[in-house]
Protein backbone atom coordinates (compact mmCIF):
# COMPACT_ATOMS: atom_id res chain seq x y z
CA MET A 1 89.63 123.29 -107.44
CA LYS A 2 92.76 124.27 -105.52
CA ASN A 3 91.41 122.63 -102.39
CA ARG A 4 90.66 119.45 -104.30
CA CYS A 5 94.22 119.26 -105.74
CA LEU A 6 95.68 119.96 -102.32
CA PHE A 7 93.51 117.23 -100.79
CA ILE A 8 94.63 114.70 -103.43
CA LEU A 9 98.30 115.60 -102.91
CA LEU A 10 97.94 115.23 -99.15
CA CYS A 11 96.33 111.81 -99.62
CA ILE A 12 99.14 110.62 -101.93
CA LEU A 13 101.98 111.96 -99.77
CA PRO A 14 101.82 109.21 -97.07
CA MET A 15 101.96 106.54 -99.76
CA LEU A 16 105.08 108.05 -101.29
CA CYS A 17 106.78 108.42 -97.92
CA GLY A 18 105.89 104.85 -97.01
CA CYS A 19 107.80 103.31 -99.93
CA ASN A 20 110.48 100.95 -98.76
CA GLU A 21 113.03 99.26 -100.98
CA SER A 22 114.09 96.69 -98.39
CA ASP A 23 112.62 93.23 -97.87
CA ASP A 24 110.74 92.13 -94.77
CA VAL A 25 113.37 89.51 -93.97
CA VAL A 26 111.65 88.37 -90.78
CA ARG A 27 108.50 87.44 -92.73
CA ILE A 28 110.46 85.88 -95.58
CA PHE A 29 112.76 83.62 -93.57
CA THR A 30 111.36 82.88 -90.11
CA GLY A 31 108.34 81.05 -88.75
CA LYS A 32 108.23 78.28 -91.36
CA THR A 33 110.12 75.34 -92.77
CA TRP A 34 111.46 75.67 -96.30
CA LYS A 35 111.58 72.63 -98.62
CA LEU A 36 113.96 72.39 -101.58
CA THR A 37 112.11 71.99 -104.88
CA ASP A 38 114.93 72.20 -107.44
CA VAL A 39 118.35 73.58 -108.28
CA LEU A 40 118.62 76.06 -111.11
CA ASP A 41 121.70 76.26 -113.33
CA GLY A 42 121.35 79.41 -115.39
CA GLY A 43 117.89 78.92 -116.85
CA THR A 44 117.88 75.12 -116.57
CA TYR A 45 116.15 73.13 -113.86
CA ILE A 46 118.59 70.43 -112.77
CA VAL A 47 116.25 68.10 -110.85
CA ARG A 48 113.10 68.40 -112.98
CA ASN A 49 114.77 67.91 -116.35
CA PRO A 50 115.55 64.39 -117.59
CA TYR A 51 119.04 63.06 -116.93
CA ASP A 52 121.42 63.85 -119.76
CA ALA A 53 125.06 62.84 -119.30
CA SER A 54 126.21 65.54 -121.74
CA SER A 55 124.57 68.38 -119.78
CA ASN A 56 124.82 66.84 -116.32
CA PRO A 57 126.14 69.41 -113.81
CA GLY A 58 128.22 66.70 -112.18
CA TYR A 59 125.85 65.72 -109.40
CA TRP A 60 124.92 62.25 -110.67
CA SER A 61 126.85 59.49 -112.40
CA SER A 62 123.74 57.86 -113.88
CA ASN A 63 120.00 58.21 -114.33
CA GLU A 64 119.50 55.68 -111.52
CA ALA A 65 121.51 57.85 -109.11
CA LYS A 66 119.40 60.88 -110.09
CA GLU A 67 116.16 58.92 -109.57
CA ALA A 68 117.39 57.89 -106.10
CA SER A 69 118.00 61.57 -105.26
CA ILE A 70 114.53 62.52 -106.47
CA LYS A 71 112.99 59.84 -104.26
CA LEU A 72 114.88 61.25 -101.27
CA LEU A 73 113.82 64.79 -102.23
CA GLU A 74 110.17 63.72 -102.20
CA ALA A 75 110.43 62.41 -98.62
CA GLU A 76 108.70 64.81 -96.23
CA ASN A 77 111.54 65.90 -93.93
CA ASN A 78 114.47 65.72 -96.35
CA PHE A 79 115.98 68.80 -97.97
CA THR A 80 114.46 71.21 -95.46
CA ILE A 81 115.73 74.26 -93.62
CA THR A 82 114.32 76.40 -90.80
CA PHE A 83 115.62 79.86 -89.91
CA THR A 84 115.50 81.67 -86.56
CA GLY A 85 116.89 85.13 -86.16
CA VAL A 86 116.93 88.64 -84.79
CA LEU A 87 116.68 91.76 -86.93
CA THR A 88 119.24 94.49 -86.22
CA ASN A 89 118.89 97.53 -88.47
CA LYS A 90 118.38 95.93 -91.92
CA THR A 91 120.23 92.67 -91.22
CA ILE A 92 118.77 89.51 -89.75
CA SER A 93 121.02 86.82 -88.33
CA GLY A 94 120.57 83.72 -86.25
CA GLY A 95 120.46 79.95 -86.37
CA ILE A 96 119.52 77.41 -89.00
CA SER A 97 118.52 73.80 -88.65
CA GLY A 98 117.63 71.37 -91.35
CA ARG A 99 118.19 68.13 -93.13
CA ALA A 100 119.76 67.21 -96.44
CA ALA A 101 119.12 63.61 -97.63
CA SER A 102 120.92 61.68 -94.88
CA THR A 103 122.46 64.43 -92.75
CA SER A 104 120.84 66.74 -90.21
CA PHE A 105 122.55 70.05 -89.55
CA THR A 106 122.48 73.23 -87.51
CA GLY A 107 124.44 76.40 -88.11
CA SER A 108 124.29 80.15 -88.53
CA TRP A 109 123.06 82.51 -91.23
CA SER A 110 122.48 86.18 -92.02
CA ALA A 111 120.67 88.21 -94.67
CA ASP A 112 120.67 91.89 -95.51
CA ALA A 113 117.23 93.29 -96.36
CA GLU A 114 118.55 95.99 -98.71
CA SER A 115 121.44 94.37 -100.58
CA ARG A 116 119.94 90.85 -100.38
CA PHE A 117 123.36 89.53 -99.38
CA PHE A 118 122.97 86.07 -97.81
CA THR A 119 125.35 83.75 -96.02
CA ALA A 120 124.84 80.41 -94.28
CA LYS A 121 127.23 78.11 -92.49
CA PRO A 122 125.68 74.68 -91.86
CA SER A 123 127.55 72.44 -89.41
CA SER A 124 127.78 69.65 -91.97
CA THR A 125 129.19 69.84 -95.48
CA SER A 126 128.77 66.22 -96.53
CA ASP A 127 125.87 63.90 -97.30
CA ASN A 128 125.58 60.36 -98.69
CA ASP A 129 123.43 61.57 -101.62
CA ALA A 130 124.65 63.67 -104.56
CA LEU A 131 121.75 66.13 -104.31
CA GLY A 132 122.27 66.28 -100.55
CA LYS A 133 125.90 67.30 -101.13
CA ALA A 134 124.76 69.92 -103.67
CA PHE A 135 122.20 71.26 -101.16
CA LEU A 136 124.82 71.69 -98.42
CA ASN A 137 127.34 73.09 -100.91
CA GLY A 138 124.76 75.63 -102.07
CA LEU A 139 124.13 76.81 -98.52
CA ASN A 140 127.87 77.01 -97.74
CA ASN A 141 128.59 79.01 -100.89
CA ALA A 142 125.50 81.22 -100.79
CA THR A 143 125.90 84.80 -101.97
CA SER A 144 122.41 86.30 -102.13
CA TYR A 145 118.68 85.63 -101.90
CA GLU A 146 115.36 86.65 -103.42
CA GLY A 147 111.92 85.71 -102.27
CA ASP A 148 108.71 86.35 -100.46
CA GLU A 149 106.66 84.53 -97.82
CA ASN A 150 106.04 81.52 -100.10
CA ASN A 151 109.12 81.20 -102.33
CA LEU A 152 112.80 81.50 -101.52
CA TYR A 153 115.72 81.56 -103.94
CA ILE A 154 119.23 81.20 -102.54
CA TYR A 155 121.94 81.95 -105.10
CA PHE A 156 125.36 80.36 -104.80
CA LYS A 157 128.63 79.97 -106.67
CA GLU A 158 129.78 76.53 -107.74
CA GLY A 159 133.10 76.85 -109.51
CA ASP A 160 132.56 79.42 -112.25
CA LYS A 161 128.79 78.80 -112.35
CA LYS A 162 126.09 80.74 -110.52
CA ARG A 163 123.29 78.43 -109.40
CA CYS A 164 120.17 78.75 -107.29
CA LEU A 165 118.46 76.61 -104.66
CA LEU A 166 114.68 76.92 -105.10
CA PHE A 167 112.48 76.49 -102.01
CA HIS A 168 108.80 76.64 -101.15
CA VAL A 169 107.12 76.54 -97.76
CA GLN A 170 106.70 72.96 -96.57
CA GLU A 171 103.05 72.19 -95.95
């Protein structure tokens, strides 16, 4: 019986030692193109929900303007971002390239695998489309991230609000 308990403990020990609280940031960010799917304001989806002037976050002046943004969002290469980077200790940093609605950009970024701190500095901060401006603003004001190999959430501050850019892997 003692030998059996010892054997079980020895089998469990490598699993306990192998626990890691940090993200695999190389797998999360690099080797794919991320496509924006929505912007989250608290618990409210900004793009998916119908236009409501009373609860509008300030991106659009009318339902027509919002519909125009959605059409641009649905275009294949709009609202995309690609990350390249090198991992040093628990931090990855490198270059970004992407496209808002009418503006292509490059820039730099970094993410910490343990604290999930995230920063990005795209070369452009302006776009002709309201959602494009929000996309670039979100990247410029990013504070943290969450995600896995298929979904990426970049949190950012916009005034006194905390919002989130939601991405999935572009197919």
